[in-house]
Amino acid sequence: MNNKKIIFIFSIILLMGSCDISRQINEMNAFSKCDFRLYTIEDIKLAGVDIQQYKSYKDLKFMDIATISTSLAKGNLPLTFTLNVQVKNPNPATAALNKMEWILFIDEIEILQGVSNQRAEIPPNGGISNLPLQINADLMKVLSGESAEAVSNFAFNLAGQGNRPSRIMLKVKPAIMVGNTPVSYPGYISVKNEFTSN
């Protein structure tokens, strides 16, 4: 293969790569102009116990109390749930991201930081997509210094709001991939309970 063909093929590869990067930048830019809301929380479990069916610690069945007490005795109290974030795209172009860093706050207390590596696309012109985040936090570490009852009540207060996450705030930072390297949006986008554009 002569040098001209090699240069031509290399130029095509570079052009295709730059087009892909340009597309991703446009998608992330559209994402930053989307409206966001915390939609629902599902499958809230405290030490593996489904607590959404109870109003307080006092309503727990004996076996559930034993399970939570055993976890507390071991020095941990895992709280797990799925947080569904809805994204509405008012833009005329598709919004998307390849990766998203997030910080979760409950009652203004930072609970957890995480990363979602799931690609998400939001259709244009009012399209809505759901971004489910799997949350897994040890309340004993997060609320260190609090009594066991206070820690348990924290989880029940969260579950007691129904499936609307009124006690939660989320900050997200979307990213695109340039080759194998993530390039993040500058700063975090705050996600609230109702659709709010940032």
C-alpha atoms as a PDB file:
ATOM      1  CA  MET A   1       0.000   0.000   0.000  1.00  0.00           C
ATOM      2  CA  ASN A   2       1.490   3.365  -1.000  1.00  0.00           C
ATOM      3  CA  ASN A   3       1.858   6.383   1.294  1.00  0.00           C
ATOM      4  CA  LYS A   4      -1.102   8.280  -0.249  1.00  0.00           C
ATOM      5  CA  LYS A   5      -3.494   5.426   0.530  1.00  0.00           C
ATOM      6  CA  ILE A   6      -2.182   5.148   4.082  1.00  0.00           C
ATOM      7  CA  ILE A   7      -2.619   8.920   4.630  1.00  0.00           C
ATOM      8  CA  PHE A   8      -6.132   8.801   3.106  1.00  0.00           C
ATOM      9  CA  ILE A   9      -7.225   5.872   5.334  1.00  0.00           C
ATOM     10  CA  PHE A  10      -5.708   7.529   8.407  1.00  0.00           C
ATOM     11  CA  SER A  11      -7.517  10.802   7.563  1.00  0.00           C
ATOM     12  CA  ILE A  12     -10.851   8.951   7.232  1.00  0.00           C
ATOM     13  CA  ILE A  13     -10.313   7.297  10.658  1.00  0.00           C
ATOM     14  CA  LEU A  14      -9.475  10.672  12.241  1.00  0.00           C
ATOM     15  CA  LEU A  15     -12.487  12.311  10.596  1.00  0.00           C
ATOM     16  CA  MET A  16     -14.811   9.559  11.808  1.00  0.00           C
ATOM     17  CA  GLY A  17     -13.367   9.899  15.313  1.00  0.00           C
ATOM     18  CA  SER A  18     -13.752  13.676  15.351  1.00  0.00           C
ATOM     19  CA  CYS A  19     -17.355  13.365  14.081  1.00  0.00           C
ATOM     20  CA  ASP A  20     -18.113  10.945  16.929  1.00  0.00           C
ATOM     21  CA  ILE A  21     -16.523  13.280  19.481  1.00  0.00           C
ATOM     22  CA  SER A  22     -18.446  16.249  18.040  1.00  0.00           C
ATOM     23  CA  ARG A  23     -21.713  14.263  18.225  1.00  0.00           C
ATOM     24  CA  GLN A  24     -21.051  13.304  21.849  1.00  0.00           C
ATOM     25  CA  ILE A  25     -20.225  16.900  22.787  1.00  0.00           C
ATOM     26  CA  ASN A  26     -23.507  18.047  21.227  1.00  0.00           C
ATOM     27  CA  GLU A  27     -25.389  15.276  23.077  1.00  0.00           C
ATOM     28  CA  MET A  28     -23.829  16.219  26.416  1.00  0.00           C
ATOM     29  CA  ASN A  29     -24.522  19.909  25.773  1.00  0.00           C
ATOM     30  CA  ALA A  30     -28.186  19.030  25.133  1.00  0.00           C
ATOM     31  CA  PHE A  31     -28.162  16.903  28.309  1.00  0.00           C
ATOM     32  CA  SER A  32     -26.966  19.878  30.365  1.00  0.00           C
ATOM     33  CA  LYS A  33     -30.011  21.832  29.109  1.00  0.00           C
ATOM     34  CA  CYS A  34     -32.498  19.098  30.015  1.00  0.00           C
ATOM     35  CA  ASP A  35     -35.025  19.227  32.840  1.00  0.00           C
ATOM     36  CA  PHE A  36     -34.511  16.817  35.738  1.00  0.00           C
ATOM     37  CA  ARG A  37     -36.555  15.465  38.608  1.00  0.00           C
ATOM     38  CA  LEU A  38     -36.240  12.833  41.298  1.00  0.00           C
ATOM     39  CA  TYR A  39     -39.146  10.613  40.344  1.00  0.00           C
ATOM     40  CA  THR A  40     -39.435   7.630  42.674  1.00  0.00           C
ATOM     41  CA  ILE A  41     -37.531   5.538  45.169  1.00  0.00           C
ATOM     42  CA  GLU A  42     -38.161   1.815  45.072  1.00  0.00           C
ATOM     43  CA  ASP A  43     -37.212  -1.329  46.928  1.00  0.00           C
ATOM     44  CA  ILE A  44     -35.970   0.367  50.129  1.00  0.00           C
ATOM     45  CA  LYS A  45     -34.248  -2.213  52.309  1.00  0.00           C
ATOM     46  CA  LEU A  46     -32.556  -1.812  55.667  1.00  0.00           C
ATOM     47  CA  ALA A  47     -30.146  -4.681  56.364  1.00  0.00           C
ATOM     48  CA  GLY A  48     -32.056  -6.631  53.708  1.00  0.00           C
ATOM     49  CA  VAL A  49     -35.465  -5.974  55.321  1.00  0.00           C
ATOM     50  CA  ASP A  50     -38.113  -4.395  53.079  1.00  0.00           C
ATOM     51  CA  ILE A  51     -39.098  -1.387  55.206  1.00  0.00           C
ATOM     52  CA  GLN A  52     -41.450   0.346  52.770  1.00  0.00           C
ATOM     53  CA  GLN A  53     -44.330  -1.646  54.220  1.00  0.00           C
ATOM     54  CA  TYR A  54     -43.716  -0.279  57.741  1.00  0.00           C
ATOM     55  CA  LYS A  55     -44.190   3.201  59.184  1.00  0.00           C
ATOM     56  CA  SER A  56     -41.666   2.937  62.021  1.00  0.00           C
ATOM     57  CA  TYR A  57     -39.237   0.623  63.782  1.00  0.00           C
ATOM     58  CA  LYS A  58     -42.027  -0.332  66.228  1.00  0.00           C
ATOM     59  CA  ASP A  59     -44.101  -1.852  63.389  1.00  0.00           C
ATOM     60  CA  LEU A  60     -41.436  -4.381  62.421  1.00  0.00           C
ATOM     61  CA  LYS A  61     -42.040  -8.114  62.788  1.00  0.00           C
ATOM     62  CA  PHE A  62     -39.896 -10.039  65.275  1.00  0.00           C
ATOM     63  CA  MET A  63     -37.738 -11.675  62.577  1.00  0.00           C
ATOM     64  CA  ASP A  64     -37.141  -8.322  60.873  1.00  0.00           C
ATOM     65  CA  ILE A  65     -36.062  -6.784  64.192  1.00  0.00           C
ATOM     66  CA  ALA A  66     -33.702  -9.712  64.726  1.00  0.00           C
ATOM     67  CA  THR A  67     -32.190  -9.245  61.256  1.00  0.00           C
ATOM     68  CA  ILE A  68     -31.619  -5.513  61.744  1.00  0.00           C
ATOM     69  CA  SER A  69     -30.313  -6.028  65.296  1.00  0.00           C
ATOM     70  CA  THR A  70     -27.826  -8.645  64.090  1.00  0.00           C
ATOM     71  CA  SER A  71     -26.579  -6.227  61.452  1.00  0.00           C
ATOM     72  CA  LEU A  72     -26.236  -3.461  64.056  1.00  0.00           C
ATOM     73  CA  ALA A  73     -24.332  -5.812  66.366  1.00  0.00           C
ATOM     74  CA  LYS A  74     -21.846  -6.384  63.528  1.00  0.00           C
ATOM     75  CA  GLY A  75     -21.352  -2.620  63.256  1.00  0.00           C
ATOM     76  CA  ASN A  76     -23.076  -1.997  59.941  1.00  0.00           C
ATOM     77  CA  LEU A  77     -26.547  -1.107  58.719  1.00  0.00           C
ATOM     78  CA  PRO A  78     -26.820  -1.270  54.923  1.00  0.00           C
ATOM     79  CA  LEU A  79     -29.516   0.851  53.308  1.00  0.00           C
ATOM     80  CA  THR A  80     -30.265  -0.043  49.689  1.00  0.00           C
ATOM     81  CA  PHE A  81     -32.776   1.354  47.234  1.00  0.00           C
ATOM     82  CA  THR A  82     -33.274   2.325  43.606  1.00  0.00           C
ATOM     83  CA  LEU A  83     -33.522   6.042  42.902  1.00  0.00           C
ATOM     84  CA  ASN A  84     -35.235   6.840  39.601  1.00  0.00           C
ATOM     85  CA  VAL A  85     -34.185  10.122  38.027  1.00  0.00           C
ATOM     86  CA  GLN A  86     -36.297  11.325  35.116  1.00  0.00           C
ATOM     87  CA  VAL A  87     -34.725  13.470  32.411  1.00  0.00           C
ATOM     88  CA  LYS A  88     -36.890  15.503  30.016  1.00  0.00           C
ATOM     89  CA  ASN A  89     -35.279  16.801  26.843  1.00  0.00           C
ATOM     90  CA  PRO A  90     -36.881  20.017  25.485  1.00  0.00           C
ATOM     91  CA  ASN A  91     -34.114  20.404  22.893  1.00  0.00           C
ATOM     92  CA  PRO A  92     -34.495  19.668  19.165  1.00  0.00           C
ATOM     93  CA  ALA A  93     -31.545  17.236  19.324  1.00  0.00           C
ATOM     94  CA  THR A  94     -30.991  13.971  21.184  1.00  0.00           C
ATOM     95  CA  ALA A  95     -29.383  14.363  24.607  1.00  0.00           C
ATOM     96  CA  ALA A  96     -27.064  11.647  25.866  1.00  0.00           C
ATOM     97  CA  LEU A  97     -24.249  10.753  28.203  1.00  0.00           C
ATOM     98  CA  ASN A  98     -21.891   7.791  28.499  1.00  0.00           C
ATOM     99  CA  LYS A  99     -21.050   8.140  32.169  1.00  0.00           C
ATOM    100  CA  MET A 100     -22.365  10.064  35.153  1.00  0.00           C
ATOM    101  CA  GLU A 101     -20.810  10.876  38.516  1.00  0.00           C
ATOM    102  CA  TRP A 102     -23.341  11.562  41.258  1.00  0.00           C
ATOM    103  CA  ILE A 103     -23.558  12.691  44.882  1.00  0.00           C
ATOM    104  CA  LEU A 104     -26.589  11.733  46.977  1.00  0.00           C
ATOM    105  CA  PHE A 105     -27.867  13.829  49.899  1.00  0.00           C
ATOM    106  CA  ILE A 106     -30.661  12.817  52.284  1.00  0.00           C
ATOM    107  CA  ASP A 107     -31.863  15.457  54.776  1.00  0.00           C
ATOM    108  CA  GLU A 108     -28.921  17.590  53.597  1.00  0.00           C
ATOM    109  CA  ILE A 109     -26.460  14.906  54.728  1.00  0.00           C
ATOM    110  CA  GLU A 110     -24.091  13.590  52.057  1.00  0.00           C
ATOM    111  CA  ILE A 111     -24.809   9.871  51.980  1.00  0.00           C
ATOM    112  CA  LEU A 112     -22.872   8.513  49.061  1.00  0.00           C
ATOM    113  CA  GLN A 113     -20.935   9.284  45.905  1.00  0.00           C
ATOM    114  CA  GLY A 114     -21.053   7.012  42.907  1.00  0.00           C
ATOM    115  CA  VAL A 115     -20.626   6.556  39.177  1.00  0.00           C
ATOM    116  CA  SER A 116     -23.049   5.186  36.607  1.00  0.00           C
ATOM    117  CA  ASN A 117     -21.356   3.826  33.482  1.00  0.00           C
ATOM    118  CA  GLN A 118     -24.645   3.159  31.718  1.00  0.00           C
ATOM    119  CA  ARG A 119     -25.167   5.101  28.477  1.00  0.00           C
ATOM    120  CA  ALA A 120     -28.428   7.020  28.424  1.00  0.00           C
ATOM    121  CA  GLU A 121     -30.178   8.732  25.517  1.00  0.00           C
ATOM    122  CA  ILE A 122     -33.106  11.129  25.885  1.00  0.00           C
ATOM    123  CA  PRO A 123     -35.218  11.685  22.745  1.00  0.00           C
ATOM    124  CA  PRO A 124     -35.612  15.286  21.533  1.00  0.00           C
ATOM    125  CA  ASN A 125     -38.663  17.556  21.674  1.00  0.00           C
ATOM    126  CA  GLY A 126     -39.966  16.669  25.128  1.00  0.00           C
ATOM    127  CA  GLY A 127     -38.822  13.052  25.302  1.00  0.00           C
ATOM    128  CA  ILE A 128     -38.428  11.584  28.799  1.00  0.00           C
ATOM    129  CA  SER A 129     -36.036   8.840  29.944  1.00  0.00           C
ATOM    130  CA  ASN A 130     -35.507   7.242  33.327  1.00  0.00           C
ATOM    131  CA  LEU A 131     -32.042   6.908  34.862  1.00  0.00           C
ATOM    132  CA  PRO A 132     -32.172   4.302  37.660  1.00  0.00           C
ATOM    133  CA  LEU A 133     -29.396   4.615  40.254  1.00  0.00           C
ATOM    134  CA  GLN A 134     -28.687   1.704  42.592  1.00  0.00           C
ATOM    135  CA  ILE A 135     -27.904   3.122  46.043  1.00  0.00           C
ATOM    136  CA  ASN A 136     -26.063   1.077  48.661  1.00  0.00           C
ATOM    137  CA  ALA A 137     -24.892   2.923  51.787  1.00  0.00           C
ATOM    138  CA  ASP A 138     -23.876   1.864  55.291  1.00  0.00           C
ATOM    139  CA  LEU A 139     -25.882   4.131  57.606  1.00  0.00           C
ATOM    140  CA  MET A 140     -23.631   3.326  60.572  1.00  0.00           C
ATOM    141  CA  LYS A 141     -20.721   4.953  58.722  1.00  0.00           C
ATOM    142  CA  VAL A 142     -22.757   7.805  57.277  1.00  0.00           C
ATOM    143  CA  LEU A 143     -24.410   8.681  60.597  1.00  0.00           C
ATOM    144  CA  SER A 144     -21.525   7.850  62.905  1.00  0.00           C
ATOM    145  CA  GLY A 145     -22.083   9.195  66.392  1.00  0.00           C
ATOM    146  CA  GLU A 146     -25.863   8.799  66.194  1.00  0.00           C
ATOM    147  CA  SER A 147     -27.746   6.247  68.308  1.00  0.00           C
ATOM    148  CA  ALA A 148     -28.911   2.993  66.708  1.00  0.00           C
ATOM    149  CA  GLU A 149     -32.532   4.134  67.011  1.00  0.00           C
ATOM    150  CA  ALA A 150     -31.753   7.467  65.346  1.00  0.00           C
ATOM    151  CA  VAL A 151     -29.999   5.655  62.494  1.00  0.00           C
ATOM    152  CA  SER A 152     -32.956   3.308  62.003  1.00  0.00           C
ATOM    153  CA  ASN A 153     -35.440   6.192  62.183  1.00  0.00           C
ATOM    154  CA  PHE A 154     -33.476   7.951  59.446  1.00  0.00           C
ATOM    155  CA  ALA A 155     -34.188   5.051  57.070  1.00  0.00           C
ATOM    156  CA  PHE A 156     -37.839   4.809  58.110  1.00  0.00           C
ATOM    157  CA  ASN A 157     -38.331   8.543  57.595  1.00  0.00           C
ATOM    158  CA  LEU A 158     -37.075   8.083  54.043  1.00  0.00           C
ATOM    159  CA  ALA A 159     -39.411   5.139  53.428  1.00  0.00           C
ATOM    160  CA  GLY A 160     -42.320   6.886  55.150  1.00  0.00           C
ATOM    161  CA  GLN A 161     -42.622   9.470  52.409  1.00  0.00           C
ATOM    162  CA  GLY A 162     -44.262   6.967  50.050  1.00  0.00           C
ATOM    163  CA  ASN A 163     -42.368   6.479  46.836  1.00  0.00           C
ATOM    164  CA  ARG A 164     -41.750  10.200  46.222  1.00  0.00           C
ATOM    165  CA  PRO A 165     -38.176  11.103  47.220  1.00  0.00           C
ATOM    166  CA  SER A 166     -38.949  14.371  49.013  1.00  0.00           C
ATOM    167  CA  ARG A 167     -36.032  13.992  51.453  1.00  0.00           C
ATOM    168  CA  ILE A 168     -33.440  13.454  48.727  1.00  0.00           C
ATOM    169  CA  MET A 169     -31.241  15.754  46.663  1.00  0.00           C
ATOM    170  CA  LEU A 170     -28.917  14.577  43.913  1.00  0.00           C
ATOM    171  CA  LYS A 171     -26.066  16.261  42.079  1.00  0.00           C
ATOM    172  CA  VAL A 172     -24.918  14.781  38.778  1.00  0.00           C
ATOM    173  CA  LYS A 173     -21.960  15.349  36.470  1.00  0.00           C
ATOM    174  CA  PRO A 174     -22.386  13.805  32.993  1.00  0.00           C
ATOM    175  CA  ALA A 175     -19.444  12.719  30.846  1.00  0.00           C
ATOM    176  CA  ILE A 176     -18.703  11.605  27.303  1.00  0.00           C
ATOM    177  CA  MET A 177     -15.989   9.209  26.175  1.00  0.00           C
ATOM    178  CA  VAL A 178     -13.116  10.355  23.989  1.00  0.00           C
ATOM    179  CA  GLY A 179     -11.530   7.061  23.057  1.00  0.00           C
ATOM    180  CA  ASN A 180     -11.199   5.329  26.425  1.00  0.00           C
ATOM    181  CA  THR A 181     -11.003   8.582  28.384  1.00  0.00           C
ATOM    182  CA  PRO A 182     -14.084  10.143  30.036  1.00  0.00           C
ATOM    183  CA  VAL A 183     -14.447  13.918  29.617  1.00  0.00           C
ATOM    184  CA  SER A 184     -16.739  15.374  32.276  1.00  0.00           C
ATOM    185  CA  TYR A 185     -19.144  18.296  32.133  1.00  0.00           C
ATOM    186  CA  PRO A 186     -17.702  21.220  34.144  1.00  0.00           C
ATOM    187  CA  GLY A 187     -19.469  21.255  37.510  1.00  0.00           C
ATOM    188  CA  TYR A 188     -22.488  19.421  38.894  1.00  0.00           C
ATOM    189  CA  ILE A 189     -26.149  19.716  37.902  1.00  0.00           C
ATOM    190  CA  SER A 190     -28.564  19.758  40.865  1.00  0.00           C
ATOM    191  CA  VAL A 191     -31.574  17.443  40.499  1.00  0.00           C
ATOM    192  CA  LYS A 192     -34.724  18.351  42.420  1.00  0.00           C
ATOM    193  CA  ASN A 193     -38.180  16.853  42.970  1.00  0.00           C
ATOM    194  CA  GLU A 194     -39.900  18.592  40.071  1.00  0.00           C
ATOM    195  CA  PHE A 195     -38.684  19.184  36.537  1.00  0.00           C
ATOM    196  CA  THR A 196     -36.207  22.037  36.809  1.00  0.00           C
ATOM    197  CA  SER A 197     -33.915  23.195  34.020  1.00  0.00           C
ATOM    198  CA  ASN A 198     -30.320  24.005  35.013  1.00  0.00           C
END
